[in-house]
Amino acid sequence: MKLLILLIGMVLIFEGLPYVAAPESMQAWLKKISEMAPGQLRVMGLIAMASGLLLCWIIQG
């Protein structure tokens, strides 16, 4: 459980970093994402999930 909480904390740190480093760029990027088709967002999400799963699998193996 301690590892899970640690991982969630690390994800939050990495998620917040771009907003602190370049808030104006993040606003522009989020505006572009909001204009994308749902299908494109779904594919991007699947690719991100598959990449994360592959990374975890490689590290654990």
N, C-alpha and C. Protein backbone atom coordinates (compact mmCIF):
# COMPACT_ATOMS: atom_id res chain seq x y z
N MET A 1 0.82 -1.19 0.00
CA MET A 1 0.00 0.00 0.00
C MET A 1 0.88 1.27 0.00
N LYS A 2 1.99 1.19 0.73
CA LYS A 2 2.91 2.32 0.78
C LYS A 2 3.45 2.64 -0.61
N LEU A 3 3.78 1.60 -1.38
CA LEU A 3 4.29 1.80 -2.74
C LEU A 3 3.24 2.44 -3.64
N LEU A 4 1.99 2.03 -3.50
CA LEU A 4 0.92 2.60 -4.31
C LEU A 4 0.76 4.09 -4.03
N ILE A 5 0.77 4.45 -2.76
CA ILE A 5 0.64 5.87 -2.40
C ILE A 5 1.84 6.67 -2.91
N LEU A 6 3.03 6.08 -2.84
CA LEU A 6 4.23 6.72 -3.36
C LEU A 6 4.11 6.94 -4.87
N LEU A 7 3.62 5.94 -5.58
CA LEU A 7 3.45 6.07 -7.04
C LEU A 7 2.42 7.14 -7.39
N ILE A 8 1.33 7.20 -6.65
CA ILE A 8 0.32 8.23 -6.91
C ILE A 8 0.92 9.61 -6.68
N GLY A 9 1.71 9.76 -5.62
CA GLY A 9 2.38 11.02 -5.37
C GLY A 9 3.32 11.41 -6.49
N MET A 10 4.07 10.44 -7.00
CA MET A 10 5.00 10.72 -8.11
C MET A 10 4.24 11.13 -9.37
N VAL A 11 3.12 10.47 -9.64
CA VAL A 11 2.31 10.83 -10.81
C VAL A 11 1.82 12.27 -10.67
N LEU A 12 1.36 12.64 -9.49
CA LEU A 12 0.88 14.01 -9.28
C LEU A 12 2.01 15.03 -9.47
N ILE A 13 3.21 14.69 -9.02
CA ILE A 13 4.35 15.59 -9.22
C ILE A 13 4.61 15.78 -10.71
N PHE A 14 4.67 14.68 -11.46
CA PHE A 14 4.95 14.77 -12.89
C PHE A 14 3.81 15.44 -13.66
N GLU A 15 2.57 15.23 -13.21
CA GLU A 15 1.43 15.88 -13.87
C GLU A 15 1.46 17.39 -13.62
N GLY A 16 1.88 17.82 -12.44
CA GLY A 16 1.86 19.24 -12.11
C GLY A 16 3.05 20.03 -12.65
N LEU A 17 4.13 19.34 -12.96
CA LEU A 17 5.35 20.01 -13.40
C LEU A 17 5.16 20.93 -14.61
N PRO A 18 4.50 20.49 -15.69
CA PRO A 18 4.34 21.38 -16.84
C PRO A 18 3.53 22.64 -16.53
N TYR A 19 2.57 22.53 -15.61
CA TYR A 19 1.75 23.69 -15.26
C TYR A 19 2.57 24.73 -14.50
N VAL A 20 3.55 24.28 -13.74
CA VAL A 20 4.42 25.20 -13.01
C VAL A 20 5.47 25.79 -13.94
N ALA A 21 6.04 24.96 -14.80
CA ALA A 21 7.14 25.38 -15.67
C ALA A 21 6.68 26.28 -16.82
N ALA A 22 5.54 25.97 -17.42
CA ALA A 22 5.10 26.73 -18.60
C ALA A 22 3.57 26.79 -18.66
N PRO A 23 2.95 27.58 -17.79
CA PRO A 23 1.49 27.62 -17.76
C PRO A 23 0.84 28.12 -19.06
N GLU A 24 1.48 29.07 -19.73
CA GLU A 24 0.91 29.59 -20.97
C GLU A 24 0.90 28.52 -22.06
N SER A 25 1.98 27.77 -22.15
CA SER A 25 2.06 26.70 -23.14
C SER A 25 1.04 25.60 -22.84
N MET A 26 0.84 25.31 -21.56
CA MET A 26 -0.13 24.29 -21.18
C MET A 26 -1.55 24.72 -21.55
N GLN A 27 -1.85 26.00 -21.38
CA GLN A 27 -3.18 26.49 -21.76
C GLN A 27 -3.41 26.30 -23.26
N ALA A 28 -2.41 26.64 -24.06
CA ALA A 28 -2.53 26.48 -25.51
C ALA A 28 -2.66 25.00 -25.88
N TRP A 29 -1.88 24.15 -25.22
CA TRP A 29 -1.91 22.72 -25.50
C TRP A 29 -3.26 22.13 -25.12
N LEU A 30 -3.80 22.53 -23.97
CA LEU A 30 -5.10 22.02 -23.53
C LEU A 30 -6.21 22.49 -24.46
N LYS A 31 -6.08 23.70 -25.00
CA LYS A 31 -7.07 24.19 -25.95
C LYS A 31 -7.06 23.33 -27.21
N LYS A 32 -5.86 22.97 -27.69
CA LYS A 32 -5.75 22.11 -28.87
C LYS A 32 -6.36 20.74 -28.60
N ILE A 33 -6.11 20.21 -27.41
CA ILE A 33 -6.64 18.89 -27.07
C ILE A 33 -8.16 18.93 -27.00
N SER A 34 -8.73 20.01 -26.48
CA SER A 34 -10.18 20.10 -26.36
C SER A 34 -10.86 20.16 -27.73
N GLU A 35 -10.11 20.52 -28.76
CA GLU A 35 -10.65 20.60 -30.11
C GLU A 35 -10.48 19.31 -30.90
N MET A 36 -9.78 18.33 -30.32
CA MET A 36 -9.55 17.06 -31.01
C MET A 36 -10.80 16.19 -30.95
N ALA A 37 -10.92 15.30 -31.92
CA ALA A 37 -12.04 14.37 -31.96
C ALA A 37 -11.89 13.34 -30.85
N PRO A 38 -13.01 12.88 -30.28
CA PRO A 38 -12.94 11.88 -29.21
C PRO A 38 -12.19 10.61 -29.61
N GLY A 39 -12.28 10.21 -30.87
CA GLY A 39 -11.57 9.02 -31.33
C GLY A 39 -10.07 9.19 -31.24
N GLN A 40 -9.58 10.37 -31.60
CA GLN A 40 -8.15 10.64 -31.51
C GLN A 40 -7.68 10.62 -30.06
N LEU A 41 -8.48 11.19 -29.17
CA LEU A 41 -8.12 11.19 -27.75
C LEU A 41 -8.10 9.77 -27.20
N ARG A 42 -9.05 8.96 -27.66
CA ARG A 42 -9.10 7.57 -27.20
C ARG A 42 -7.85 6.82 -27.64
N VAL A 43 -7.43 7.03 -28.88
CA VAL A 43 -6.22 6.37 -29.38
C VAL A 43 -4.99 6.84 -28.60
N MET A 44 -4.91 8.14 -28.34
CA MET A 44 -3.78 8.66 -27.56
C MET A 44 -3.77 8.05 -26.16
N GLY A 45 -4.95 7.93 -25.55
CA GLY A 45 -5.04 7.32 -24.22
C GLY A 45 -4.63 5.87 -24.24
N LEU A 46 -5.06 5.12 -25.24
CA LEU A 46 -4.68 3.71 -25.35
C LEU A 46 -3.17 3.55 -25.55
N ILE A 47 -2.59 4.41 -26.36
CA ILE A 47 -1.14 4.37 -26.58
C ILE A 47 -0.40 4.68 -25.27
N ALA A 48 -0.87 5.68 -24.53
CA ALA A 48 -0.24 6.02 -23.25
C ALA A 48 -0.35 4.87 -22.26
N MET A 49 -1.53 4.25 -22.19
CA MET A 49 -1.72 3.13 -21.28
C MET A 49 -0.85 1.94 -21.67
N ALA A 50 -0.80 1.63 -22.96
CA ALA A 50 0.02 0.51 -23.42
C ALA A 50 1.50 0.77 -23.16
N SER A 51 1.93 2.02 -23.35
CA SER A 51 3.33 2.37 -23.08
C SER A 51 3.65 2.20 -21.60
N GLY A 52 2.76 2.65 -20.74
CA GLY A 52 2.95 2.49 -19.31
C GLY A 52 2.97 1.03 -18.88
N LEU A 53 2.06 0.24 -19.45
CA LEU A 53 2.04 -1.19 -19.14
C LEU A 53 3.31 -1.87 -19.59
N LEU A 54 3.76 -1.54 -20.78
CA LEU A 54 5.01 -2.12 -21.30
C LEU A 54 6.20 -1.73 -20.44
N LEU A 55 6.25 -0.49 -20.03
CA LEU A 55 7.33 -0.02 -19.17
C LEU A 55 7.33 -0.78 -17.84
N CYS A 56 6.16 -0.91 -17.23
CA CYS A 56 6.06 -1.67 -15.97
C CYS A 56 6.47 -3.12 -16.16
N TRP A 57 6.05 -3.71 -17.26
CA TRP A 57 6.36 -5.12 -17.55
C TRP A 57 7.88 -5.32 -17.72
N ILE A 58 8.51 -4.38 -18.42
CA ILE A 58 9.96 -4.47 -18.65
C ILE A 58 10.71 -4.31 -17.33
N ILE A 59 10.30 -3.34 -16.52
CA ILE A 59 10.97 -3.08 -15.25
C ILE A 59 10.79 -4.26 -14.28
N GLN A 60 9.63 -4.86 -14.26
CA GLN A 60 9.36 -5.99 -13.36
C GLN A 60 10.04 -7.26 -13.80
N GLY A 61 10.26 -7.41 -15.13
CA GLY A 61 10.82 -8.64 -15.68
C GLY A 61 12.25 -8.75 -15.44
